[in-house]
Amino acid sequence: MTHDVALVVSELVTNAVQHAEGTPVGLRMWRAAHELRIEVTDGSPTPARPRRAGEADESGRGLLLVAAIAKQWGTSPDGTMTWCSLAIPEGRS
């Protein structure tokens, strides 16, 4: 699970830094029941959305990776936070 968490955090924070328009970026992670919730804030009211990247594009796949790994993901109603939750495998604490 460590690799999945590192990848998701990397993608969400990178997106936030790229689109924050000079506002501070925040990261919060917390465990609830059988999932780990990851929240990244950037102050930008434009919500994150997946893009279609061409074969030669060097970016544009981050949210697609998050969607493939995460149990679910979304944005806050005001667009300033992108979040995802990852299932914690049974037997892990």
Protein backbone atom coordinates (compact mmCIF):
# COMPACT_ATOMS: atom_id res chain seq x y z
CA MET A 1 0.00 0.00 0.00
CA THR A 2 2.97 2.32 0.59
CA HIS A 3 3.68 2.63 -3.14
CA ASP A 4 0.04 3.43 -3.92
CA VAL A 5 -0.07 6.13 -1.23
CA ALA A 6 3.19 7.65 -2.46
CA LEU A 7 1.96 7.72 -6.06
CA VAL A 8 -1.41 9.25 -5.20
CA VAL A 9 0.13 11.89 -2.93
CA SER A 10 2.73 12.72 -5.59
CA GLU A 11 0.11 13.12 -8.32
CA LEU A 12 -2.32 15.19 -6.23
CA VAL A 13 0.36 17.47 -4.78
CA THR A 14 1.99 17.96 -8.20
CA ASN A 15 -1.38 18.96 -9.68
CA ALA A 16 -1.99 21.36 -6.80
CA VAL A 17 1.43 23.01 -7.15
CA GLN A 18 0.96 23.40 -10.91
CA HIS A 19 -2.49 24.96 -10.57
CA ALA A 20 -2.29 26.77 -7.20
CA GLU A 21 -1.56 30.14 -8.78
CA GLY A 22 0.78 31.06 -5.92
CA THR A 23 -1.52 29.99 -3.09
CA PRO A 24 -0.28 27.61 -0.37
CA VAL A 25 -0.73 23.87 -0.94
CA GLY A 26 -1.82 21.63 1.93
CA LEU A 27 -1.82 17.87 2.48
CA ARG A 28 -3.90 16.00 5.03
CA MET A 29 -4.16 12.23 5.48
CA TRP A 30 -6.30 10.39 7.98
CA ARG A 31 -7.55 6.89 8.60
CA ALA A 32 -11.25 6.14 8.91
CA ALA A 33 -12.55 2.59 9.41
CA HIS A 34 -10.96 0.56 6.60
CA GLU A 35 -9.72 3.38 4.40
CA LEU A 36 -7.06 6.05 4.20
CA ARG A 37 -8.32 9.46 3.09
CA ILE A 38 -5.93 11.84 1.38
CA GLU A 39 -6.87 15.50 0.89
CA VAL A 40 -4.85 18.12 -1.01
CA THR A 41 -5.85 21.78 -0.97
CA ASP A 42 -4.55 24.47 -3.26
CA GLY A 43 -6.87 27.47 -2.92
CA SER A 44 -7.78 27.46 -6.61
CA PRO A 45 -11.55 27.42 -7.21
CA THR A 46 -11.07 25.45 -10.43
CA PRO A 47 -11.78 21.80 -9.58
CA ALA A 48 -9.38 19.10 -10.71
CA ARG A 49 -10.59 17.07 -13.65
CA PRO A 50 -9.11 14.21 -15.65
CA ARG A 51 -7.65 15.05 -19.05
CA ARG A 52 -6.96 13.02 -22.13
CA ALA A 53 -3.26 12.98 -22.75
CA GLY A 54 -1.82 12.18 -26.13
CA GLU A 55 0.84 9.51 -26.54
CA ALA A 56 3.61 12.12 -26.67
CA ASP A 57 2.28 14.28 -23.80
CA GLU A 58 4.46 14.36 -20.70
CA SER A 59 1.57 15.20 -18.36
CA GLY A 60 -2.17 14.77 -18.11
CA ARG A 61 -2.42 11.26 -16.69
CA GLY A 62 -2.24 11.96 -12.94
CA LEU A 63 -5.93 11.89 -12.12
CA LEU A 64 -6.40 8.83 -14.29
CA LEU A 65 -3.77 7.08 -12.14
CA VAL A 66 -5.48 8.30 -8.97
CA ALA A 67 -8.84 7.02 -10.23
CA ALA A 68 -7.32 3.62 -11.08
CA ILE A 69 -5.70 3.21 -7.64
CA ALA A 70 -8.22 4.87 -5.33
CA LYS A 71 -11.44 3.42 -4.01
CA GLN A 72 -12.99 6.78 -4.91
CA TRP A 73 -11.92 10.37 -5.51
CA GLY A 74 -13.49 13.77 -5.94
CA THR A 75 -13.29 17.48 -5.30
CA SER A 76 -14.80 19.74 -2.68
CA PRO A 77 -17.87 21.78 -3.70
CA ASP A 78 -15.76 24.96 -3.86
CA GLY A 79 -13.08 23.25 -6.00
CA THR A 80 -10.19 24.02 -3.62
CA MET A 81 -9.62 20.45 -2.43
CA THR A 82 -9.07 17.19 -4.28
CA TRP A 83 -9.44 14.04 -2.21
CA CYS A 84 -9.29 10.29 -2.58
CA SER A 85 -9.69 7.26 -0.38
CA LEU A 86 -7.67 4.07 -0.53
CA ALA A 87 -8.92 0.81 0.90
CA ILE A 88 -6.78 -0.52 3.75
CA PRO A 89 -6.33 -4.26 3.24
CA GLU A 90 -7.83 -6.49 5.94
CA GLY A 91 -5.42 -7.35 8.70
CA ARG A 92 -3.60 -4.02 8.45
CA SER A 93 -3.85 -1.43 11.18
